[in-house]
Amino acid sequence: MTPIEIKFKGGSSVAVIFIKNVMTARLSGVQKKMKEEVDELVPENFHFLSSWGPPIGRLQDTKMALTEALHEGNILMLRETSRSQIPKRKITGVEEAE
C-alpha cells in the first residue's frame, strides 16, 4: 500500500490515505476512499489539482487516473471551492439529442 499525502493548494497538509495500487487507481475511487476515511478532515467542496496545474472537473474524476493528479512526493493537491464557485452545467440541444 502506498501512502498518499493530501494537501491544500497553499501547502498545508490535510491527511494521509493508503492506496493499494496507485497505477490503476482512479480519482473517483480515491475520492470515495477519502469520504470513507478522512471525510471530517477535507472540505465538503473541493477539486483535485492535476499534476500540471489546472483543477480537475467532477466528470473528469471518473475517467482520470490518480497518477495524473499526483504531484512530486505522492502528494494529492486540493483546491477548496464554495457552492457559488461550482459552475452549473448547461445542457445544449446536441447533448439532449444524445
PDB file of N, CA and C in Angstrom:
ATOM      1  N   MET A   1       0.842  -1.178   0.000  1.00  0.00           N
ATOM      2  CA  MET A   1       0.000   0.000   0.000  1.00  0.00           C
ATOM      3  C   MET A   1       0.890   1.246   0.000  1.00  0.00           C
ATOM      4  N   THR A   2       0.472   2.224  -0.781  1.00  0.00           N
ATOM      5  CA  THR A   2       1.255   3.441  -0.926  1.00  0.00           C
ATOM      6  C   THR A   2       0.588   4.588  -0.180  1.00  0.00           C
ATOM      7  N   PRO A   3       1.317   5.282   0.688  1.00  0.00           N
ATOM      8  CA  PRO A   3       0.732   6.445   1.364  1.00  0.00           C
ATOM      9  C   PRO A   3       0.648   7.625   0.394  1.00  0.00           C
ATOM     10  N   ILE A   4      -0.509   8.267   0.380  1.00  0.00           N
ATOM     11  CA  ILE A   4      -0.752   9.453  -0.439  1.00  0.00           C
ATOM     12  C   ILE A   4      -1.081  10.589   0.519  1.00  0.00           C
ATOM     13  N   GLU A   5      -0.262  11.630   0.483  1.00  0.00           N
ATOM     14  CA  GLU A   5      -0.495  12.791   1.340  1.00  0.00           C
ATOM     15  C   GLU A   5      -1.456  13.736   0.627  1.00  0.00           C
ATOM     16  N   ILE A   6      -2.454  14.207   1.352  1.00  0.00           N
ATOM     17  CA  ILE A   6      -3.438  15.146   0.811  1.00  0.00           C
ATOM     18  C   ILE A   6      -3.114  16.520   1.360  1.00  0.00           C
ATOM     19  N   LYS A   7      -2.944  17.487   0.449  1.00  0.00           N
ATOM     20  CA  LYS A   7      -2.586  18.843   0.846  1.00  0.00           C
ATOM     21  C   LYS A   7      -3.492  19.852   0.150  1.00  0.00           C
ATOM     22  N   PHE A   8      -3.653  21.011   0.789  1.00  0.00           N
ATOM     23  CA  PHE A   8      -4.311  22.131   0.137  1.00  0.00           C
ATOM     24  C   PHE A   8      -3.333  22.805  -0.803  1.00  0.00           C
ATOM     25  N   LYS A   9      -3.854  23.523  -1.765  1.00  0.00           N
ATOM     26  CA  LYS A   9      -3.024  24.222  -2.732  1.00  0.00           C
ATOM     27  C   LYS A   9      -1.979  25.104  -2.049  1.00  0.00           C
ATOM     28  N   GLY A  10      -2.326  25.726  -0.933  1.00  0.00           N
ATOM     29  CA  GLY A  10      -1.410  26.587  -0.209  1.00  0.00           C
ATOM     30  C   GLY A  10      -0.263  25.850   0.459  1.00  0.00           C
ATOM     31  N   GLY A  11      -0.359  24.524   0.559  1.00  0.00           N
ATOM     32  CA  GLY A  11       0.736  23.750   1.108  1.00  0.00           C
ATOM     33  C   GLY A  11       0.469  23.063   2.432  1.00  0.00           C
ATOM     34  N   SER A  12      -0.635  23.406   3.128  1.00  0.00           N
ATOM     35  CA  SER A  12      -0.884  22.766   4.422  1.00  0.00           C
ATOM     36  C   SER A  12      -1.403  21.340   4.229  1.00  0.00           C
ATOM     37  N   SER A  13      -0.845  20.434   5.000  1.00  0.00           N
ATOM     38  CA  SER A  13      -1.196  19.025   4.916  1.00  0.00           C
ATOM     39  C   SER A  13      -2.540  18.769   5.594  1.00  0.00           C
ATOM     40  N   VAL A  14      -3.360  17.924   4.975  1.00  0.00           N
ATOM     41  CA  VAL A  14      -4.697  17.635   5.494  1.00  0.00           C
ATOM     42  C   VAL A  14      -4.770  16.238   6.101  1.00  0.00           C
ATOM     43  N   ALA A  15      -4.299  15.239   5.350  1.00  0.00           N
ATOM     44  CA  ALA A  15      -4.426  13.848   5.794  1.00  0.00           C
ATOM     45  C   ALA A  15      -3.533  12.956   4.942  1.00  0.00           C
ATOM     46  N   VAL A  16      -3.497  11.691   5.305  1.00  0.00           N
ATOM     47  CA  VAL A  16      -2.809  10.670   4.524  1.00  0.00           C
ATOM     48  C   VAL A  16      -3.767   9.500   4.356  1.00  0.00           C
ATOM     49  N   ILE A  17      -3.855   9.005   3.130  1.00  0.00           N
ATOM     50  CA  ILE A  17      -4.628   7.793   2.865  1.00  0.00           C
ATOM     51  C   ILE A  17      -3.685   6.782   2.226  1.00  0.00           C
ATOM     52  N   PHE A  18      -4.064   5.518   2.263  1.00  0.00           N
ATOM     53  CA  PHE A  18      -3.235   4.467   1.686  1.00  0.00           C
ATOM     54  C   PHE A  18      -3.970   3.836   0.513  1.00  0.00           C
ATOM     55  N   ILE A  19      -3.299   3.806  -0.627  1.00  0.00           N
ATOM     56  CA  ILE A  19      -3.880   3.267  -1.853  1.00  0.00           C
ATOM     57  C   ILE A  19      -3.175   1.957  -2.196  1.00  0.00           C
ATOM     58  N   LYS A  20      -3.970   0.942  -2.487  1.00  0.00           N
ATOM     59  CA  LYS A  20      -3.421  -0.381  -2.771  1.00  0.00           C
ATOM     60  C   LYS A  20      -2.574  -0.380  -4.041  1.00  0.00           C
ATOM     61  N   ASN A  21      -3.105   0.097  -5.157  1.00  0.00           N
ATOM     62  CA  ASN A  21      -2.365   0.093  -6.414  1.00  0.00           C
ATOM     63  C   ASN A  21      -2.490   1.468  -7.068  1.00  0.00           C
ATOM     64  N   VAL A  22      -1.499   2.306  -6.894  1.00  0.00           N
ATOM     65  CA  VAL A  22      -1.514   3.683  -7.398  1.00  0.00           C
ATOM     66  C   VAL A  22      -1.644   3.712  -8.917  1.00  0.00           C
ATOM     67  N   MET A  23      -1.060   2.754  -9.594  1.00  0.00           N
ATOM     68  CA  MET A  23      -1.043   2.755 -11.059  1.00  0.00           C
ATOM     69  C   MET A  23      -2.422   2.520 -11.677  1.00  0.00           C
ATOM     70  N   THR A  24      -3.319   1.838 -10.975  1.00  0.00           N
ATOM     71  CA  THR A  24      -4.642   1.559 -11.541  1.00  0.00           C
ATOM     72  C   THR A  24      -5.762   2.360 -10.880  1.00  0.00           C
ATOM     73  N   ALA A  25      -5.458   3.087  -9.835  1.00  0.00           N
ATOM     74  CA  ALA A  25      -6.493   3.827  -9.094  1.00  0.00           C
ATOM     75  C   ALA A  25      -7.036   4.998  -9.919  1.00  0.00           C
ATOM     76  N   ARG A  26      -8.320   5.227  -9.831  1.00  0.00           N
ATOM     77  CA  ARG A  26      -8.997   6.358 -10.466  1.00  0.00           C
ATOM     78  C   ARG A  26      -9.288   7.401  -9.397  1.00  0.00           C
ATOM     79  N   LEU A  27      -9.362   8.653  -9.819  1.00  0.00           N
ATOM     80  CA  LEU A  27      -9.637   9.740  -8.865  1.00  0.00           C
ATOM     81  C   LEU A  27     -10.982   9.565  -8.173  1.00  0.00           C
ATOM     82  N   SER A  28     -11.973   9.037  -8.889  1.00  0.00           N
ATOM     83  CA  SER A  28     -13.288   8.826  -8.260  1.00  0.00           C
ATOM     84  C   SER A  28     -13.189   7.825  -7.110  1.00  0.00           C
ATOM     85  N   GLY A  29     -12.361   6.794  -7.276  1.00  0.00           N
ATOM     86  CA  GLY A  29     -12.143   5.822  -6.203  1.00  0.00           C
ATOM     87  C   GLY A  29     -11.403   6.434  -5.026  1.00  0.00           C
ATOM     88  N   VAL A  30     -10.448   7.298  -5.325  1.00  0.00           N
ATOM     89  CA  VAL A  30      -9.706   7.994  -4.271  1.00  0.00           C
ATOM     90  C   VAL A  30     -10.644   8.921  -3.513  1.00  0.00           C
ATOM     91  N   GLN A  31     -11.516   9.604  -4.230  1.00  0.00           N
ATOM     92  CA  GLN A  31     -12.470  10.498  -3.585  1.00  0.00           C
ATOM     93  C   GLN A  31     -13.405   9.706  -2.656  1.00  0.00           C
ATOM     94  N   LYS A  32     -13.835   8.536  -3.098  1.00  0.00           N
ATOM     95  CA  LYS A  32     -14.684   7.675  -2.264  1.00  0.00           C
ATOM     96  C   LYS A  32     -13.926   7.235  -1.005  1.00  0.00           C
ATOM     97  N   LYS A  33     -12.657   6.854  -1.178  1.00  0.00           N
ATOM     98  CA  LYS A  33     -11.839   6.435  -0.037  1.00  0.00           C
ATOM     99  C   LYS A  33     -11.650   7.594   0.943  1.00  0.00           C
ATOM    100  N   MET A  34     -11.441   8.803   0.408  1.00  0.00           N
ATOM    101  CA  MET A  34     -11.305   9.983   1.263  1.00  0.00           C
ATOM    102  C   MET A  34     -12.585  10.207   2.060  1.00  0.00           C
ATOM    103  N   LYS A  35     -13.733  10.056   1.414  1.00  0.00           N
ATOM    104  CA  LYS A  35     -15.017  10.249   2.098  1.00  0.00           C
ATOM    105  C   LYS A  35     -15.197   9.218   3.214  1.00  0.00           C
ATOM    106  N   GLU A  36     -14.762   7.999   2.973  1.00  0.00           N
ATOM    107  CA  GLU A  36     -14.889   6.929   3.966  1.00  0.00           C
ATOM    108  C   GLU A  36     -13.920   7.104   5.140  1.00  0.00           C
ATOM    109  N   GLU A  37     -12.691   7.532   4.851  1.00  0.00           N
ATOM    110  CA  GLU A  37     -11.650   7.503   5.872  1.00  0.00           C
ATOM    111  C   GLU A  37     -11.316   8.847   6.517  1.00  0.00           C
ATOM    112  N   VAL A  38     -11.367   9.929   5.752  1.00  0.00           N
ATOM    113  CA  VAL A  38     -10.930  11.219   6.296  1.00  0.00           C
ATOM    114  C   VAL A  38     -11.922  12.343   5.977  1.00  0.00           C
ATOM    115  N   ASP A  39     -13.192  12.006   5.883  1.00  0.00           N
ATOM    116  CA  ASP A  39     -14.232  12.961   5.492  1.00  0.00           C
ATOM    117  C   ASP A  39     -14.244  14.220   6.351  1.00  0.00           C
ATOM    118  N   GLU A  40     -14.019  14.066   7.647  1.00  0.00           N
ATOM    119  CA  GLU A  40     -14.071  15.219   8.551  1.00  0.00           C
ATOM    120  C   GLU A  40     -12.866  16.138   8.402  1.00  0.00           C
ATOM    121  N   LEU A  41     -11.836  15.692   7.686  1.00  0.00           N
ATOM    122  CA  LEU A  41     -10.620  16.486   7.534  1.00  0.00           C
ATOM    123  C   LEU A  41     -10.549  17.269   6.222  1.00  0.00           C
ATOM    124  N   VAL A  42     -11.317  16.848   5.236  1.00  0.00           N
ATOM    125  CA  VAL A  42     -11.285  17.528   3.935  1.00  0.00           C
ATOM    126  C   VAL A  42     -12.537  18.398   3.783  1.00  0.00           C
ATOM    127  N   PRO A  43     -12.445  19.481   3.010  1.00  0.00           N
ATOM    128  CA  PRO A  43     -13.620  20.327   2.816  1.00  0.00           C
ATOM    129  C   PRO A  43     -14.719  19.582   2.063  1.00  0.00           C
ATOM    130  N   GLU A  44     -15.945  20.030   2.254  1.00  0.00           N
ATOM    131  CA  GLU A  44     -17.076  19.397   1.583  1.00  0.00           C
ATOM    132  C   GLU A  44     -16.976  19.564   0.063  1.00  0.00           C
ATOM    133  N   ASN A  45     -16.566  20.747  -0.371  1.00  0.00           N
ATOM    134  CA  ASN A  45     -16.456  21.030  -1.805  1.00  0.00           C
ATOM    135  C   ASN A  45     -15.004  21.322  -2.158  1.00  0.00           C
ATOM    136  N   PHE A  46     -14.471  20.526  -3.066  1.00  0.00           N
ATOM    137  CA  PHE A  46     -13.084  20.728  -3.489  1.00  0.00           C
ATOM    138  C   PHE A  46     -12.906  20.169  -4.888  1.00  0.00           C
ATOM    139  N   HIS A  47     -11.812  20.551  -5.504  1.00  0.00           N
ATOM    140  CA  HIS A  47     -11.375  19.991  -6.778  1.00  0.00           C
ATOM    141  C   HIS A  47      -9.955  19.472  -6.579  1.00  0.00           C
ATOM    142  N   PHE A  48      -9.648  18.365  -7.229  1.00  0.00           N
ATOM    143  CA  PHE A  48      -8.265  17.916  -7.282  1.00  0.00           C
ATOM    144  C   PHE A  48      -7.528  18.828  -8.256  1.00  0.00           C
ATOM    145  N   LEU A  49      -6.250  19.041  -8.020  1.00  0.00           N
ATOM    146  CA  LEU A  49      -5.417  19.795  -8.955  1.00  0.00           C
ATOM    147  C   LEU A  49      -4.542  18.803  -9.709  1.00  0.00           C
ATOM    148  N   SER A  50      -4.544  18.900 -11.019  1.00  0.00           N
ATOM    149  CA  SER A  50      -3.740  17.985 -11.825  1.00  0.00           C
ATOM    150  C   SER A  50      -2.259  18.243 -11.587  1.00  0.00           C
ATOM    151  N   SER A  51      -1.453  17.300 -11.968  1.00  0.00           N
ATOM    152  CA  SER A  51      -0.011  17.432 -11.773  1.00  0.00           C
ATOM    153  C   SER A  51       0.563  18.556 -12.625  1.00  0.00           C
ATOM    154  N   TRP A  52      -0.142  18.975 -13.659  1.00  0.00           N
ATOM    155  CA  TRP A  52       0.317  20.085 -14.492  1.00  0.00           C
ATOM    156  C   TRP A  52      -0.338  21.412 -14.113  1.00  0.00           C
ATOM    157  N   GLY A  53      -1.204  21.429 -13.060  1.00  0.00           N
ATOM    158  CA  GLY A  53      -1.691  22.683 -12.501  1.00  0.00           C
ATOM    159  C   GLY A  53      -3.183  22.933 -12.451  1.00  0.00           C
ATOM    160  N   PRO A  54      -3.921  22.797 -13.565  1.00  0.00           N
ATOM    161  CA  PRO A  54      -5.339  23.154 -13.543  1.00  0.00           C
ATOM    162  C   PRO A  54      -6.184  22.207 -12.684  1.00  0.00           C
ATOM    163  N   PRO A  55      -7.326  22.709 -12.190  1.00  0.00           N
ATOM    164  CA  PRO A  55      -8.235  21.839 -11.431  1.00  0.00           C
ATOM    165  C   PRO A  55      -8.871  20.790 -12.341  1.00  0.00           C
ATOM    166  N   ILE A  56      -9.266  19.697 -11.732  1.00  0.00           N
ATOM    167  CA  ILE A  56      -9.891  18.591 -12.451  1.00  0.00           C
ATOM    168  C   ILE A  56     -11.388  18.613 -12.142  1.00  0.00           C
ATOM    169  N   GLY A  57     -12.211  18.621 -13.172  1.00  0.00           N
ATOM    170  CA  GLY A  57     -13.666  18.666 -13.008  1.00  0.00           C
ATOM    171  C   GLY A  57     -14.236  17.355 -12.496  1.00  0.00           C
ATOM    172  N   ARG A  58     -15.438  17.434 -11.941  1.00  0.00           N
ATOM    173  CA  ARG A  58     -16.097  16.249 -11.361  1.00  0.00           C
ATOM    174  C   ARG A  58     -16.305  15.137 -12.388  1.00  0.00           C
ATOM    175  N   LEU A  59     -16.664  15.486 -13.607  1.00  0.00           N
ATOM    176  CA  LEU A  59     -16.864  14.453 -14.624  1.00  0.00           C
ATOM    177  C   LEU A  59     -15.542  13.814 -15.037  1.00  0.00           C
ATOM    178  N   GLN A  60     -14.470  14.569 -14.944  1.00  0.00           N
ATOM    179  CA  GLN A  60     -13.152  14.030 -15.277  1.00  0.00           C
ATOM    180  C   GLN A  60     -12.658  13.061 -14.212  1.00  0.00           C
ATOM    181  N   ASP A  61     -13.104  13.222 -12.962  1.00  0.00           N
ATOM    182  CA  ASP A  61     -12.672  12.353 -11.862  1.00  0.00           C
ATOM    183  C   ASP A  61     -12.876  10.877 -12.183  1.00  0.00           C
ATOM    184  N   THR A  62     -13.976  10.558 -12.865  1.00  0.00           N
ATOM    185  CA  THR A  62     -14.288   9.154 -13.141  1.00  0.00           C
ATOM    186  C   THR A  62     -13.397   8.572 -14.225  1.00  0.00           C
ATOM    187  N   LYS A  63     -12.827   9.437 -15.061  1.00  0.00           N
ATOM    188  CA  LYS A  63     -12.018   8.978 -16.184  1.00  0.00           C
ATOM    189  C   LYS A  63     -10.516   9.063 -15.942  1.00  0.00           C
ATOM    190  N   MET A  64     -10.107   9.907 -15.010  1.00  0.00           N
ATOM    191  CA  MET A  64      -8.679  10.166 -14.825  1.00  0.00           C
ATOM    192  C   MET A  64      -8.041   9.237 -13.802  1.00  0.00           C
ATOM    193  N   ALA A  65      -6.834   8.856 -14.111  1.00  0.00           N
ATOM    194  CA  ALA A  65      -6.051   8.027 -13.195  1.00  0.00           C
ATOM    195  C   ALA A  65      -5.469   8.896 -12.092  1.00  0.00           C
ATOM    196  N   LEU A  66      -5.286   8.310 -10.942  1.00  0.00           N
ATOM    197  CA  LEU A  66      -4.671   9.004  -9.813  1.00  0.00           C
ATOM    198  C   LEU A  66      -3.306   9.551 -10.198  1.00  0.00           C
ATOM    199  N   THR A  67      -2.560   8.813 -11.000  1.00  0.00           N
ATOM    200  CA  THR A  67      -1.207   9.226 -11.380  1.00  0.00           C
ATOM    201  C   THR A  67      -1.197  10.576 -12.104  1.00  0.00           C
ATOM    202  N   GLU A  68      -2.306  10.944 -12.760  1.00  0.00           N
ATOM    203  CA  GLU A  68      -2.381  12.216 -13.466  1.00  0.00           C
ATOM    204  C   GLU A  68      -2.570  13.398 -12.513  1.00  0.00           C
ATOM    205  N   ALA A  69      -2.911  13.109 -11.277  1.00  0.00           N
ATOM    206  CA  ALA A  69      -3.110  14.171 -10.291  1.00  0.00           C
ATOM    207  C   ALA A  69      -2.051  14.165  -9.195  1.00  0.00           C
ATOM    208  N   LEU A  70      -1.204  13.157  -9.184  1.00  0.00           N
ATOM    209  CA  LEU A  70      -0.176  13.084  -8.138  1.00  0.00           C
ATOM    210  C   LEU A  70       0.953  14.065  -8.428  1.00  0.00           C
ATOM    211  N   HIS A  71       1.284  14.837  -7.433  1.00  0.00           N
ATOM    212  CA  HIS A  71       2.402  15.765  -7.522  1.00  0.00           C
ATOM    213  C   HIS A  71       3.629  15.066  -6.949  1.00  0.00           C
ATOM    214  N   GLU A  72       4.788  15.644  -7.117  1.00  0.00           N
ATOM    215  CA  GLU A  72       6.036  15.048  -6.652  1.00  0.00           C
ATOM    216  C   GLU A  72       5.949  14.678  -5.170  1.00  0.00           C
ATOM    217  N   GLY A  73       6.379  13.486  -4.854  1.00  0.00           N
ATOM    218  CA  GLY A  73       6.367  13.022  -3.467  1.00  0.00           C
ATOM    219  C   GLY A  73       5.054  12.363  -3.067  1.00  0.00           C
ATOM    220  N   ASN A  74       4.278  11.866  -4.047  1.00  0.00           N
ATOM    221  CA  ASN A  74       2.969  11.237  -3.792  1.00  0.00           C
ATOM    222  C   ASN A  74       2.031  12.169  -3.032  1.00  0.00           C
ATOM    223  N   ILE A  75       1.936  13.391  -3.513  1.00  0.00           N
ATOM    224  CA  ILE A  75       1.053  14.391  -2.905  1.00  0.00           C
ATOM    225  C   ILE A  75      -0.130  14.643  -3.826  1.00  0.00           C
ATOM    226  N   LEU A  76      -1.310  14.606  -3.251  1.00  0.00           N
ATOM    227  CA  LEU A  76      -2.547  14.897  -3.960  1.00  0.00           C
ATOM    228  C   LEU A  76      -3.015  16.275  -3.498  1.00  0.00           C
ATOM    229  N   MET A  77      -3.038  17.227  -4.417  1.00  0.00           N
ATOM    230  CA  MET A  77      -3.374  18.611  -4.073  1.00  0.00           C
ATOM    231  C   MET A  77      -4.866  18.862  -4.274  1.00  0.00           C
ATOM    232  N   LEU A  78      -5.447  19.619  -3.324  1.00  0.00           N
ATOM    233  CA  LEU A  78      -6.852  20.005  -3.386  1.00  0.00           C
ATOM    234  C   LEU A  78      -6.977  21.522  -3.425  1.00  0.00           C
ATOM    235  N   ARG A  79      -8.018  21.981  -4.075  1.00  0.00           N
ATOM    236  CA  ARG A  79      -8.378  23.392  -4.015  1.00  0.00           C
ATOM    237  C   ARG A  79      -9.819  23.448  -3.525  1.00  0.00           C
ATOM    238  N   GLU A  80      -9.999  24.079  -2.368  1.00  0.00           N
ATOM    239  CA  GLU A  80     -11.336  24.189  -1.801  1.00  0.00           C
ATOM    240  C   GLU A  80     -12.186  25.114  -2.657  1.00  0.00           C
ATOM    241  N   THR A  81     -13.444  24.756  -2.843  1.00  0.00           N
ATOM    242  CA  THR A  81     -14.384  25.593  -3.586  1.00  0.00           C
ATOM    243  C   THR A  81     -15.636  25.780  -2.742  1.00  0.00           C
ATOM    244  N   SER A  82     -16.284  26.903  -2.938  1.00  0.00           N
ATOM    245  CA  SER A  82     -17.565  27.120  -2.271  1.00  0.00           C
ATOM    246  C   SER A  82     -18.665  26.735  -3.247  1.00  0.00           C
ATOM    247  N   ARG A  83     -19.868  26.579  -2.755  1.00  0.00           N
ATOM    248  CA  ARG A  83     -21.002  26.220  -3.619  1.00  0.00           C
ATOM    249  C   ARG A  83     -21.166  27.212  -4.768  1.00  0.00           C
ATOM    250  N   SER A  84     -20.943  28.492  -4.485  1.00  0.00           N
ATOM    251  CA  SER A  84     -21.136  29.517  -5.515  1.00  0.00           C
ATOM    252  C   SER A  84     -20.071  29.433  -6.611  1.00  0.00           C
ATOM    253  N   GLN A  85     -18.936  28.780  -6.346  1.00  0.00           N
ATOM    254  CA  GLN A  85     -17.881  28.645  -7.342  1.00  0.00           C
ATOM    255  C   GLN A  85     -18.074  27.440  -8.246  1.00  0.00           C
ATOM    256  N   ILE A  86     -18.993  26.555  -7.901  1.00  0.00           N
ATOM    257  CA  ILE A  86     -19.217  25.353  -8.693  1.00  0.00           C
ATOM    258  C   ILE A  86     -20.146  25.726  -9.844  1.00  0.00           C
ATOM    259  N   PRO A  87     -19.638  25.688 -11.087  1.00  0.00           N
ATOM    260  CA  PRO A  87     -20.468  26.102 -12.219  1.00  0.00           C
ATOM    261  C   PRO A  87     -21.599  25.121 -12.486  1.00  0.00           C
ATOM    262  N   LYS A  88     -22.719  25.651 -12.875  1.00  0.00           N
ATOM    263  CA  LYS A  88     -23.853  24.826 -13.274  1.00  0.00           C
ATOM    264  C   LYS A  88     -23.616  24.378 -14.703  1.00  0.00           C
ATOM    265  N   ARG A  89     -23.821  23.128 -14.981  1.00  0.00           N
ATOM    266  CA  ARG A  89     -23.617  22.605 -16.330  1.00  0.00           C
ATOM    267  C   ARG A  89     -24.852  22.897 -17.159  1.00  0.00           C
ATOM    268  N   LYS A  90     -24.646  23.505 -18.292  1.00  0.00           N
ATOM    269  CA  LYS A  90     -25.757  23.826 -19.188  1.00  0.00           C
ATOM    270  C   LYS A  90     -25.892  22.724 -20.229  1.00  0.00           C
ATOM    271  N   ILE A  91     -27.141  22.343 -20.497  1.00  0.00           N
ATOM    272  CA  ILE A  91     -27.405  21.316 -21.481  1.00  0.00           C
ATOM    273  C   ILE A  91     -27.716  21.982 -22.806  1.00  0.00           C
ATOM    274  N   THR A  92     -26.991  21.594 -23.818  1.00  0.00           N
ATOM    275  CA  THR A  92     -27.250  22.140 -25.149  1.00  0.00           C
ATOM    276  C   THR A  92     -28.167  21.198 -25.921  1.00  0.00           C
ATOM    277  N   GLY A  93     -28.679  21.659 -27.016  1.00  0.00           N
ATOM    278  CA  GLY A  93     -29.546  20.840 -27.850  1.00  0.00           C
ATOM    279  C   GLY A  93     -28.867  19.573 -28.332  1.00  0.00           C
ATOM    280  N   VAL A  94     -27.574  19.648 -28.593  1.00  0.00           N
ATOM    281  CA  VAL A  94     -26.821  18.489 -29.045  1.00  0.00           C
ATOM    282  C   VAL A  94     -26.759  17.427 -27.946  1.00  0.00           C
ATOM    283  N   GLU A  95     -26.518  17.866 -26.709  1.00  0.00           N
ATOM    284  CA  GLU A  95     -26.438  16.909 -25.599  1.00  0.00           C
ATOM    285  C   GLU A  95     -27.779  16.258 -25.329  1.00  0.00           C
ATOM    286  N   GLU A  96     -28.877  17.028 -25.463  1.00  0.00           N
ATOM    287  CA  GLU A  96     -30.200  16.462 -25.231  1.00  0.00           C
ATOM    288  C   GLU A  96     -30.505  15.362 -26.239  1.00  0.00           C
ATOM    289  N   ALA A  97     -30.076  15.558 -27.485  1.00  0.00           N
ATOM    290  CA  ALA A  97     -30.343  14.573 -28.531  1.00  0.00           C
ATOM    291  C   ALA A  97     -29.570  13.288 -28.322  1.00  0.00           C
ATOM    292  N   GLU A  98     -28.389  13.394 -27.698  1.00  0.00           N
ATOM    293  CA  GLU A  98     -27.581  12.209 -27.445  1.00  0.00           C
ATOM    294  C   GLU A  98     -28.211  11.396 -26.357  1.00  0.00           C
TER     295      GLU A  98
END
